[in-house]
Amino acid sequence: MNFSNSTTVNTERLKNTRRLTHQWETIDWARVENYVNRLQTRIAKATVAGDKNKAKRLQYLLTHSFYAKAYAVKKVTSNKGKSTSGIDRKLWSTSAAKMKAVLALTDKHYRAKPLRRVFIEKKGKNKLRPLGIPTMYDRAMQTLYALALEPIAEISADSISFGFRRGRSAKDACEQIFCVLARKCSPTWILEGDIKGCFDNINHDWFQSNIPMDKSILKQFLKAGFIYKGNLFPTNSGSPQGGAISSLYANMTLDGIEKLIQDKYHRNSKGKIENHYRAKTKVNIVRYADDFVITADTKEIAEEVKNLVSQFLETRGLTLSEEKTVITHIDNGFDFLGWTFRKFKGKLIIKPSKSSIKALVRKCATIILKEGKATSQSDLIRRLNQVLRGWSNYHRHVVASQAFSSINNTIYLLLQRWAKHRHPNKNKWWRLNKYWHEKNGKPWLFITDESILINLRRINIIRHPKLQISKNPFIDKAYFAKRKLQLQSLSAARNG
């Protein structure tokens, strides 16, 4: 009897798994994405019209729709973190598990689980920064509510904010800074802003009062706490880095700095923004997530702006880092997002920063001399090309030819050391003839029959097209579709 019951249960489970698998694999994703985008556009338009109640109803409709839930589950199971679990150690790796998650996703009696705290190395620094890893279920809930919140965030966002926003990138921030600083009459003083622990210190009361989403769900996201070394720690402030909605929260917290500057420096007696007010003080801001630069005509104005921004941040529980927030002259240059901006004889030059170049060389040296000692030439080329292609694509719109050439020389020397380690008893010319060959009239290429190492010297510099910062991805869809095609064609031309 027991054996029969067990067989029946297993059969039912198998049928249920097959049914869920079939349901997931037959979802029309084009239709899903179209439905979600259409609702997001309606939310954005309702926000523009000032109809908060309609926007709220549409948000509810989106977060409770099957399509949006399926889209949220797909996003969390197809991104880089799909194989990283939270404290429950669960992963949605099968079609049946994904479909089951869609059907289980609900706000009824929702309780967020604590995050799993891990520490990762800061980019280019010998410091660790904390990450909070939610469970897959909590990640899907955060993604679902981010879909409903993003259209409102985009409408209220600062036009000069470029980080973690749809249709925007670090390159767009770079071009905006170029437009602000490139002219002869451009400002000469720069305030480099650094917010102390932005994600960790945002005031939760400010969140509850200013983030337009379900307050009970928001509270669960904010108060989930985290587990580290088996101990539970509460989260009384901030939004932990690692959450699917954290970057959206951070952007919304910092939105308003642009209006603050406009009200102080750009408006005339009638309240209208006029260009000559910009020209008088030359105060402009460009922000990427929690990093920003503000320009000014004099050092005194830069100090005044610093105090103004400090007061703005204080209401949100944030403070500027006194050590890292500095005021510099454009002739001395400053680093931002991996580039160095500096004027030489009145001409603005943007180059890859020294720290960015050092980090790349260090990474390549690790691949070649440590991890690649016993690696085949083809595999070594594949790994190096992944790193070099990403780095060169990021920097190839600035004055990078000299940096590319220098890095190319360094990698050549590292590869010579690699070849010598593999063949210590052979002379230099034997090693060169074994690993470096000619192809299509181009000599000394590190090449095999299957692959060829990227030669950074032969990469063309192509200017990144400037973004129209007043455009909104949910309202001006035609513009962003056209721009996407333009960027894709430029990328194809570069890689070709």
Protein backbone atom coordinates (compact mmCIF):
# COMPACT_ATOMS: atom_id res chain seq x y z
CA MET A 1 0.00 0.00 0.00
CA ASN A 2 2.78 2.37 0.95
CA PHE A 3 4.72 1.45 -2.19
CA SER A 4 1.64 2.14 -4.31
CA ASN A 5 1.06 5.52 -2.68
CA SER A 6 4.72 6.45 -3.16
CA THR A 7 4.55 5.50 -6.84
CA THR A 8 1.39 7.59 -7.29
CA VAL A 9 2.99 10.61 -5.61
CA ASN A 10 6.12 10.34 -7.77
CA THR A 11 3.99 10.03 -10.91
CA GLU A 12 2.02 13.14 -9.96
CA ARG A 13 5.23 15.04 -9.26
CA LEU A 14 6.63 14.04 -12.64
CA LYS A 15 3.44 15.13 -14.40
CA ASN A 16 3.45 18.43 -12.53
CA THR A 17 7.11 19.04 -13.40
CA ARG A 18 6.44 18.33 -17.08
CA ARG A 19 3.41 20.64 -17.03
CA LEU A 20 5.39 23.48 -15.44
CA THR A 21 8.29 22.94 -17.84
CA HIS A 22 5.94 23.08 -20.83
CA GLN A 23 4.26 26.25 -19.51
CA TRP A 24 7.62 28.04 -19.08
CA GLU A 25 9.05 26.94 -22.43
CA THR A 26 5.95 28.01 -24.37
CA ILE A 27 5.78 31.57 -22.99
CA ASP A 28 5.78 34.17 -25.79
CA TRP A 29 8.56 36.44 -24.50
CA ALA A 30 8.09 39.07 -27.19
CA ARG A 31 4.48 39.43 -26.07
CA VAL A 32 5.55 39.53 -22.40
CA GLU A 33 8.10 42.27 -22.99
CA ASN A 34 5.67 44.27 -25.11
CA TYR A 35 3.01 44.08 -22.36
CA VAL A 36 5.43 45.18 -19.64
CA ASN A 37 6.84 48.03 -21.76
CA ARG A 38 3.36 49.24 -22.66
CA LEU A 39 2.31 49.39 -19.01
CA GLN A 40 5.56 51.14 -18.08
CA THR A 41 4.90 53.76 -20.75
CA ARG A 42 1.40 54.34 -19.36
CA ILE A 43 2.86 54.77 -15.85
CA ALA A 44 5.38 57.30 -17.20
CA LYS A 45 2.71 59.28 -19.08
CA ALA A 46 0.43 59.33 -16.03
CA THR A 47 3.35 60.66 -13.96
CA VAL A 48 4.08 63.38 -16.53
CA ALA A 49 0.38 64.38 -16.44
CA GLY A 50 0.57 64.61 -12.65
CA ASP A 51 -2.05 61.88 -12.14
CA LYS A 52 -0.52 60.08 -9.16
CA ASN A 53 -3.58 57.93 -8.50
CA LYS A 54 -3.61 56.59 -12.06
CA ALA A 55 0.13 55.88 -11.87
CA LYS A 56 -0.42 54.02 -8.59
CA ARG A 57 -3.24 51.90 -10.10
CA LEU A 58 -1.07 51.05 -13.10
CA GLN A 59 1.81 50.10 -10.81
CA TYR A 60 -0.52 47.72 -8.97
CA LEU A 61 -1.71 46.26 -12.28
CA LEU A 62 1.89 45.68 -13.37
CA THR A 63 3.13 44.08 -10.14
CA HIS A 64 0.14 41.70 -10.04
CA SER A 65 0.23 40.65 -13.70
CA PHE A 66 1.40 37.21 -14.80
CA TYR A 67 3.52 38.66 -17.61
CA ALA A 68 5.45 41.02 -15.32
CA LYS A 69 6.08 38.22 -12.82
CA ALA A 70 7.35 35.95 -15.59
CA TYR A 71 9.56 38.76 -16.91
CA ALA A 72 10.99 39.38 -13.42
CA VAL A 73 11.80 35.68 -12.95
CA LYS A 74 13.43 35.55 -16.38
CA LYS A 75 15.61 38.57 -15.55
CA VAL A 76 16.94 37.11 -12.28
CA THR A 77 17.58 33.70 -13.85
CA SER A 78 19.45 35.03 -16.88
CA ASN A 79 21.77 37.67 -15.39
CA LYS A 80 25.27 37.26 -13.94
CA GLY A 81 23.95 36.43 -10.47
CA LYS A 82 21.80 33.49 -11.59
CA SER A 83 24.20 30.96 -10.04
CA THR A 84 24.62 32.87 -6.76
CA SER A 85 22.17 31.89 -4.04
CA GLY A 86 20.95 33.68 -0.93
CA ILE A 87 20.76 32.31 2.60
CA ASP A 88 18.30 29.56 1.57
CA ARG A 89 20.85 28.23 -1.00
CA LYS A 90 18.08 27.85 -3.59
CA LEU A 91 18.62 28.38 -7.32
CA TRP A 92 16.02 28.34 -10.08
CA SER A 93 18.00 26.40 -12.66
CA THR A 94 15.21 24.38 -14.33
CA SER A 95 12.24 25.50 -16.39
CA ALA A 96 9.87 23.88 -13.87
CA ALA A 97 11.47 25.77 -10.96
CA LYS A 98 11.18 29.07 -12.85
CA MET A 99 7.51 28.50 -13.67
CA LYS A 100 6.79 27.47 -10.09
CA ALA A 101 8.43 30.72 -8.92
CA VAL A 102 6.23 32.79 -11.25
CA LEU A 103 3.08 31.21 -9.82
CA ALA A 104 4.32 31.67 -6.23
CA LEU A 105 5.32 35.33 -6.60
CA THR A 106 2.88 37.38 -4.53
CA ASP A 107 2.76 40.30 -2.10
CA LYS A 108 0.30 38.55 0.22
CA HIS A 109 1.96 38.00 3.62
CA TYR A 110 5.31 38.72 1.96
CA ARG A 111 8.30 38.55 4.30
CA ALA A 112 11.75 39.23 2.91
CA LYS A 113 14.49 36.90 4.11
CA PRO A 114 17.78 38.34 5.43
CA LEU A 115 20.52 38.93 2.88
CA ARG A 116 23.70 36.88 2.73
CA ARG A 117 26.60 39.26 3.42
CA VAL A 118 29.78 38.83 1.37
CA PHE A 119 32.74 41.13 0.77
CA ILE A 120 34.32 41.79 -2.62
CA GLU A 121 37.40 43.75 -3.54
CA LYS A 122 36.86 47.34 -4.64
CA LYS A 123 37.88 47.97 -8.25
CA GLY A 124 41.44 49.28 -8.36
CA LYS A 125 41.71 49.40 -4.57
CA ASN A 126 42.98 47.13 -1.83
CA LYS A 127 39.73 47.50 0.09
CA LEU A 128 36.67 45.33 0.47
CA ARG A 129 33.10 46.49 0.04
CA PRO A 130 30.04 44.68 1.42
CA LEU A 131 27.44 43.09 -0.81
CA GLY A 132 24.06 41.81 0.32
CA ILE A 133 22.82 38.82 -1.69
CA PRO A 134 19.03 38.30 -1.49
CA THR A 135 17.36 34.96 -2.09
CA MET A 136 16.13 34.24 -5.61
CA TYR A 137 12.53 34.86 -4.48
CA ASP A 138 13.41 38.24 -2.93
CA ARG A 139 15.42 39.16 -6.02
CA ALA A 140 12.40 38.42 -8.22
CA MET A 141 10.17 40.54 -5.95
CA GLN A 142 12.66 43.42 -6.07
CA THR A 143 12.89 43.15 -9.87
CA LEU A 144 9.09 43.06 -10.18
CA TYR A 145 8.64 46.22 -8.11
CA ALA A 146 11.58 47.89 -9.86
CA LEU A 147 9.71 47.42 -13.17
CA ALA A 148 6.83 49.47 -11.73
CA LEU A 149 9.03 52.07 -10.05
CA GLU A 150 11.49 52.73 -12.88
CA PRO A 151 9.11 54.75 -15.14
CA ILE A 152 8.35 57.16 -12.28
CA ALA A 153 12.03 57.37 -11.38
CA GLU A 154 12.91 58.24 -14.98
CA ILE A 155 10.39 61.07 -15.10
CA SER A 156 11.65 62.63 -11.87
CA ALA A 157 15.34 61.90 -12.53
CA ASP A 158 18.00 64.57 -12.98
CA SER A 159 18.78 64.99 -16.67
CA ILE A 160 22.52 64.98 -15.85
CA SER A 161 22.36 61.58 -14.09
CA PHE A 162 23.83 58.74 -16.18
CA GLY A 163 24.44 55.75 -13.91
CA PHE A 164 22.21 52.66 -13.87
CA ARG A 165 19.61 54.20 -16.16
CA ARG A 166 18.05 52.78 -19.30
CA GLY A 167 19.69 54.03 -22.50
CA ARG A 168 22.52 55.80 -20.64
CA SER A 169 26.14 54.92 -19.95
CA ALA A 170 29.44 56.19 -18.56
CA LYS A 171 30.37 57.30 -22.09
CA ASP A 172 27.35 59.62 -22.12
CA ALA A 173 28.57 61.15 -18.85
CA CYS A 174 32.00 61.61 -20.44
CA GLU A 175 30.50 63.42 -23.44
CA GLN A 176 28.43 65.66 -21.16
CA ILE A 177 31.57 66.68 -19.24
CA PHE A 178 33.32 67.37 -22.56
CA CYS A 179 30.47 69.70 -23.61
CA VAL A 180 30.68 71.56 -20.29
CA LEU A 181 34.48 71.94 -20.17
CA ALA A 182 35.73 71.99 -23.78
CA ARG A 183 35.17 75.66 -24.67
CA LYS A 184 37.60 78.50 -24.02
CA CYS A 185 34.98 80.20 -21.83
CA SER A 186 34.24 76.98 -19.90
CA PRO A 187 34.55 76.79 -16.08
CA THR A 188 38.00 76.11 -14.65
CA TRP A 189 37.28 74.78 -11.15
CA ILE A 190 36.02 71.28 -10.44
CA LEU A 191 34.41 69.88 -7.30
CA GLU A 192 34.95 66.11 -7.24
CA GLY A 193 32.18 64.69 -5.05
CA ASP A 194 32.45 61.47 -3.08
CA ILE A 195 29.57 60.37 -0.84
CA LYS A 196 30.56 58.42 2.25
CA GLY A 197 28.92 54.97 2.15
CA CYS A 198 26.00 56.06 -0.03
CA PHE A 199 24.21 52.70 -0.17
CA ASP A 200 24.69 52.02 3.55
CA ASN A 201 23.54 55.31 5.05
CA ILE A 202 20.39 56.51 3.24
CA ASN A 203 17.71 57.44 5.77
CA HIS A 204 14.84 54.92 5.86
CA ASP A 205 12.31 57.57 6.94
CA TRP A 206 13.18 59.56 3.83
CA PHE A 207 12.63 56.40 1.76
CA GLN A 208 9.18 55.81 3.25
CA SER A 209 8.14 59.42 2.60
CA ASN A 210 9.52 59.82 -0.93
CA ILE A 211 9.66 56.49 -2.78
CA PRO A 212 6.30 56.00 -4.62
CA MET A 213 5.69 52.28 -4.13
CA ASP A 214 3.82 49.91 -1.80
CA LYS A 215 5.03 50.94 1.68
CA SER A 216 4.71 47.46 3.21
CA ILE A 217 6.81 45.91 0.45
CA LEU A 218 9.33 48.76 0.67
CA LYS A 219 9.66 48.17 4.41
CA GLN A 220 10.36 44.48 3.81
CA PHE A 221 13.10 45.33 1.30
CA LEU A 222 14.72 47.85 3.66
CA LYS A 223 14.39 46.03 6.99
CA ALA A 224 15.35 42.51 5.86
CA GLY A 225 18.69 42.55 7.69
CA PHE A 226 21.68 40.43 6.76
CA ILE A 227 23.45 37.33 7.99
CA TYR A 228 27.22 37.28 8.39
CA LYS A 229 29.15 34.40 9.96
CA GLY A 230 25.94 32.90 11.26
CA ASN A 231 24.75 36.06 13.03
CA LEU A 232 21.72 38.17 12.10
CA PHE A 233 22.28 41.93 11.85
CA PRO A 234 19.47 44.48 11.42
CA THR A 235 19.45 47.11 8.68
CA ASN A 236 18.33 50.41 10.19
CA SER A 237 19.58 52.56 7.32
CA GLY A 238 20.66 52.26 3.71
CA SER A 239 19.83 49.90 0.87
CA PRO A 240 22.36 47.04 0.65
CA GLN A 241 24.47 46.86 -2.50
CA GLY A 242 23.60 43.73 -4.44
CA GLY A 243 19.82 44.07 -4.42
CA ALA A 244 17.99 44.31 -7.75
CA ILE A 245 16.35 47.59 -6.76
CA SER A 246 19.21 49.21 -4.78
CA SER A 247 20.68 51.23 -7.65
CA LEU A 248 17.21 52.61 -8.42
CA TYR A 249 16.81 53.68 -4.78
CA ALA A 250 20.24 55.35 -4.78
CA ASN A 251 19.47 57.32 -7.95
CA MET A 252 16.11 58.49 -6.61
CA THR A 253 17.76 59.56 -3.35
CA LEU A 254 20.28 61.76 -5.17
CA ASP A 255 17.84 63.15 -7.75
CA GLY A 256 17.17 66.78 -6.96
CA ILE A 257 20.76 68.05 -6.87
CA GLU A 258 20.33 69.43 -10.41
CA LYS A 259 17.19 71.40 -9.42
CA LEU A 260 18.99 72.66 -6.32
CA ILE A 261 21.76 74.08 -8.49
CA GLN A 262 19.31 75.49 -11.04
CA ASP A 263 17.32 77.29 -8.34
CA LYS A 264 20.47 78.78 -6.84
CA TYR A 265 22.51 79.68 -9.92
CA HIS A 266 20.46 79.46 -13.12
CA ARG A 267 17.10 81.14 -12.50
CA ASN A 268 16.33 84.80 -13.17
CA SER A 269 14.03 87.04 -11.11
CA LYS A 270 11.00 85.58 -12.93
CA GLY A 271 11.98 82.02 -12.09
CA LYS A 272 13.01 81.03 -15.61
CA ILE A 273 16.26 79.25 -16.38
CA GLU A 274 18.44 81.40 -18.63
CA ASN A 275 21.71 80.50 -20.26
CA HIS A 276 23.48 83.69 -19.21
CA TYR A 277 22.99 82.69 -15.59
CA ARG A 278 24.87 79.49 -16.36
CA ALA A 279 27.60 81.51 -18.05
CA LYS A 280 27.91 83.85 -15.08
CA THR A 281 28.68 81.24 -12.41
CA LYS A 282 29.39 78.31 -14.76
CA VAL A 283 28.01 75.85 -12.23
CA ASN A 284 27.15 72.52 -13.86
CA ILE A 285 26.85 69.01 -12.48
CA VAL A 286 27.38 65.59 -14.07
CA ARG A 287 26.51 62.54 -11.98
CA TYR A 288 27.05 58.81 -12.42
CA ALA A 289 25.29 56.91 -9.60
CA ASP A 290 26.86 58.28 -6.38
CA ASP A 291 29.92 59.81 -8.10
CA PHE A 292 29.65 63.35 -9.43
CA VAL A 293 31.61 66.39 -10.57
CA ILE A 294 30.43 69.99 -10.31
CA THR A 295 32.03 72.83 -12.25
CA ALA A 296 32.39 76.45 -11.13
CA ASP A 297 33.96 79.69 -12.36
CA THR A 298 35.91 80.31 -9.15
CA LYS A 299 37.18 78.29 -6.21
CA GLU A 300 34.94 80.30 -3.89
CA ILE A 301 31.82 79.32 -5.85
CA ALA A 302 32.97 75.68 -5.79
CA GLU A 303 33.23 75.88 -1.97
CA GLU A 304 29.75 77.41 -1.84
CA VAL A 305 28.32 74.61 -3.99
CA LYS A 306 30.00 72.02 -1.76
CA ASN A 307 28.19 73.41 1.29
CA LEU A 308 24.91 73.50 -0.63
CA VAL A 309 25.23 69.84 -1.67
CA SER A 310 26.23 68.83 1.87
CA GLN A 311 23.00 70.33 3.23
CA PHE A 312 20.98 68.53 0.52
CA LEU A 313 22.57 65.18 1.39
CA GLU A 314 22.14 65.67 5.13
CA THR A 315 18.33 65.51 4.80
CA ARG A 316 18.76 62.05 3.28
CA GLY A 317 21.17 60.77 5.93
CA LEU A 318 24.23 61.16 3.70
CA THR A 319 27.50 63.08 4.02
CA LEU A 320 30.37 63.99 1.73
CA SER A 321 33.73 62.36 2.41
CA GLU A 322 36.02 65.19 3.49
CA GLU A 323 39.10 63.24 2.39
CA LYS A 324 37.89 62.35 -1.10
CA THR A 325 35.78 65.42 -1.92
CA VAL A 326 38.31 67.83 -3.40
CA ILE A 327 38.35 71.01 -5.47
CA THR A 328 40.84 71.05 -8.34
CA HIS A 329 41.73 73.31 -11.27
CA ILE A 330 41.11 71.94 -14.76
CA ASP A 331 44.77 72.57 -15.68
CA ASN A 332 45.77 70.07 -12.99
CA GLY A 333 43.15 67.59 -14.17
CA PHE A 334 40.85 65.16 -12.41
CA ASP A 335 39.85 61.51 -12.72
CA PHE A 336 36.26 60.40 -13.26
CA LEU A 337 34.89 56.99 -14.32
CA GLY A 338 38.30 55.70 -15.40
CA TRP A 339 39.27 58.76 -17.48
CA THR A 340 41.52 61.74 -16.79
CA PHE A 341 40.12 65.13 -17.83
CA ARG A 342 42.71 67.88 -18.16
CA LYS A 343 43.32 71.03 -20.18
CA PHE A 344 46.62 71.57 -21.99
CA LYS A 345 47.08 75.11 -23.34
CA GLY A 346 43.33 75.65 -23.25
CA LYS A 347 42.43 72.37 -24.99
CA LEU A 348 40.54 69.68 -23.08
CA ILE A 349 42.12 66.24 -23.39
CA ILE A 350 40.39 63.09 -22.11
CA LYS A 351 42.59 60.02 -21.65
CA PRO A 352 42.34 56.66 -19.88
CA SER A 353 43.43 57.28 -16.28
CA LYS A 354 46.72 55.92 -14.97
CA SER A 355 44.91 53.82 -12.38
CA SER A 356 42.74 52.25 -15.10
CA ILE A 357 45.82 51.42 -17.20
CA LYS A 358 47.63 49.94 -14.19
CA ALA A 359 44.61 47.80 -13.31
CA LEU A 360 44.45 46.42 -16.87
CA VAL A 361 48.19 45.65 -17.00
CA ARG A 362 47.97 43.95 -13.59
CA LYS A 363 45.07 41.80 -14.78
CA CYS A 364 46.85 40.82 -18.00
CA ALA A 365 50.04 40.00 -16.07
CA THR A 366 48.04 37.71 -13.77
CA ILE A 367 46.47 35.92 -16.74
CA ILE A 368 49.81 35.50 -18.55
CA LEU A 369 52.37 34.86 -15.80
CA LYS A 370 50.31 33.23 -13.03
CA GLU A 371 47.17 31.62 -14.37
CA GLY A 372 48.55 30.96 -17.86
CA LYS A 373 51.81 29.15 -17.13
CA ALA A 374 50.47 25.83 -18.38
CA THR A 375 47.79 27.28 -20.67
CA SER A 376 47.80 26.68 -24.42
CA GLN A 377 48.43 29.65 -26.70
CA SER A 378 44.86 29.53 -28.07
CA ASP A 379 43.32 29.58 -24.61
CA LEU A 380 45.65 32.38 -23.51
CA ILE A 381 44.63 34.46 -26.55
CA ARG A 382 40.95 33.84 -25.82
CA ARG A 383 41.25 35.00 -22.20
CA LEU A 384 43.35 38.06 -23.05
CA ASN A 385 41.02 39.08 -25.88
CA GLN A 386 38.04 39.07 -23.51
CA VAL A 387 39.81 41.54 -21.23
CA LEU A 388 41.37 43.70 -23.96
CA ARG A 389 38.20 43.93 -26.02
CA GLY A 390 36.12 45.12 -23.09
CA TRP A 391 38.74 47.65 -21.94
CA SER A 392 39.44 49.04 -25.42
CA ASN A 393 35.72 49.35 -26.26
CA TYR A 394 35.24 51.38 -23.08
CA HIS A 395 38.12 53.77 -23.84
CA ARG A 396 38.26 53.98 -27.62
CA HIS A 397 36.15 57.14 -27.89
CA VAL A 398 38.73 59.24 -26.00
CA VAL A 399 42.38 60.16 -26.70
CA ALA A 400 43.62 56.62 -26.12
CA SER A 401 46.04 55.82 -28.97
CA GLN A 402 49.14 56.43 -26.86
CA ALA A 403 47.73 54.34 -24.01
CA PHE A 404 46.82 51.53 -26.42
CA SER A 405 50.35 51.51 -27.86
CA SER A 406 51.97 51.48 -24.41
CA ILE A 407 49.75 48.62 -23.20
CA ASN A 408 50.45 46.69 -26.40
CA ASN A 409 54.21 46.95 -25.75
CA THR A 410 53.79 45.81 -22.15
CA ILE A 411 51.70 42.78 -23.15
CA TYR A 412 54.34 41.87 -25.78
CA LEU A 413 57.03 41.83 -23.07
CA LEU A 414 54.81 39.77 -20.76
CA LEU A 415 54.17 37.24 -23.54
CA GLN A 416 57.92 36.99 -24.18
CA ARG A 417 58.38 36.06 -20.51
CA TRP A 418 55.55 33.52 -20.87
CA ALA A 419 57.25 31.95 -23.92
CA LYS A 420 60.62 31.89 -22.13
CA HIS A 421 59.06 30.10 -19.16
CA ARG A 422 57.67 27.44 -21.50
CA HIS A 423 60.92 27.06 -23.47
CA PRO A 424 63.82 28.10 -21.20
CA ASN A 425 66.43 26.25 -23.28
CA LYS A 426 65.48 27.85 -26.60
CA ASN A 427 66.80 31.17 -27.85
CA LYS A 428 64.73 34.33 -28.33
CA TRP A 429 64.37 34.02 -32.11
CA TRP A 430 63.17 30.43 -31.89
CA ARG A 431 60.45 31.46 -29.46
CA LEU A 432 59.44 34.45 -31.61
CA ASN A 433 59.14 32.28 -34.72
CA LYS A 434 57.06 29.71 -32.84
CA TYR A 435 54.44 32.06 -31.39
CA TRP A 436 54.56 35.25 -33.51
CA HIS A 437 53.70 35.06 -37.22
CA GLU A 438 52.73 37.17 -40.21
CA LYS A 439 49.19 37.35 -41.59
CA ASN A 440 47.79 39.48 -44.43
CA GLY A 441 51.03 41.44 -44.61
CA LYS A 442 50.96 42.23 -40.87
CA PRO A 443 54.08 40.92 -39.10
CA TRP A 444 54.68 39.83 -35.51
CA LEU A 445 51.18 38.76 -34.61
CA PHE A 446 50.63 36.51 -31.59
CA ILE A 447 48.54 34.01 -33.48
CA THR A 448 47.45 30.38 -33.86
CA ASP A 449 45.43 28.64 -36.56
CA GLU A 450 42.25 29.28 -34.56
CA SER A 451 42.77 32.69 -32.97
CA ILE A 452 44.71 35.96 -33.01
CA LEU A 453 45.53 38.36 -30.18
CA ILE A 454 44.00 41.83 -30.47
CA ASN A 455 46.55 44.42 -31.55
CA LEU A 456 45.58 47.58 -29.64
CA ARG A 457 47.67 49.75 -31.99
CA ARG A 458 45.27 49.02 -34.84
CA ILE A 459 42.14 50.12 -32.97
CA ASN A 460 40.58 53.25 -34.42
CA ILE A 461 39.35 56.04 -32.17
CA ILE A 462 35.65 56.74 -32.85
CA ARG A 463 33.76 59.53 -31.07
CA HIS A 464 30.76 58.52 -28.97
CA PRO A 465 27.57 60.30 -30.14
CA LYS A 466 26.15 62.69 -27.58
CA LEU A 467 22.90 61.80 -25.86
CA GLN A 468 20.01 64.26 -25.82
CA ILE A 469 19.69 64.38 -22.04
CA SER A 470 16.08 65.64 -22.10
CA LYS A 471 14.86 62.42 -23.76
CA ASN A 472 13.04 59.76 -21.73
CA PRO A 473 13.25 56.03 -22.66
CA PHE A 474 9.57 55.42 -21.83
CA ILE A 475 8.23 58.45 -23.70
CA ASP A 476 10.74 58.96 -26.54
CA LYS A 477 10.98 55.34 -27.67
CA ALA A 478 11.66 56.16 -31.33
CA TYR A 479 14.71 58.26 -30.38
CA PHE A 480 16.24 55.53 -28.21
CA ALA A 481 15.52 52.82 -30.81
CA LYS A 482 17.31 54.91 -33.45
CA ARG A 483 20.18 55.64 -31.06
CA LYS A 484 20.54 51.94 -30.21
CA LEU A 485 20.95 51.10 -33.91
CA GLN A 486 23.48 53.94 -34.26
CA LEU A 487 25.57 52.61 -31.36
CA GLN A 488 25.36 49.07 -32.70
CA SER A 489 26.64 50.19 -36.12
CA LEU A 490 29.50 52.08 -34.47
CA SER A 491 30.38 49.02 -32.40
CA ALA A 492 30.36 46.85 -35.52
CA ALA A 493 32.63 49.35 -37.31
CA ARG A 494 35.05 49.39 -34.36
CA ASN A 495 35.21 45.62 -34.03
CA GLY A 496 35.43 45.21 -37.78
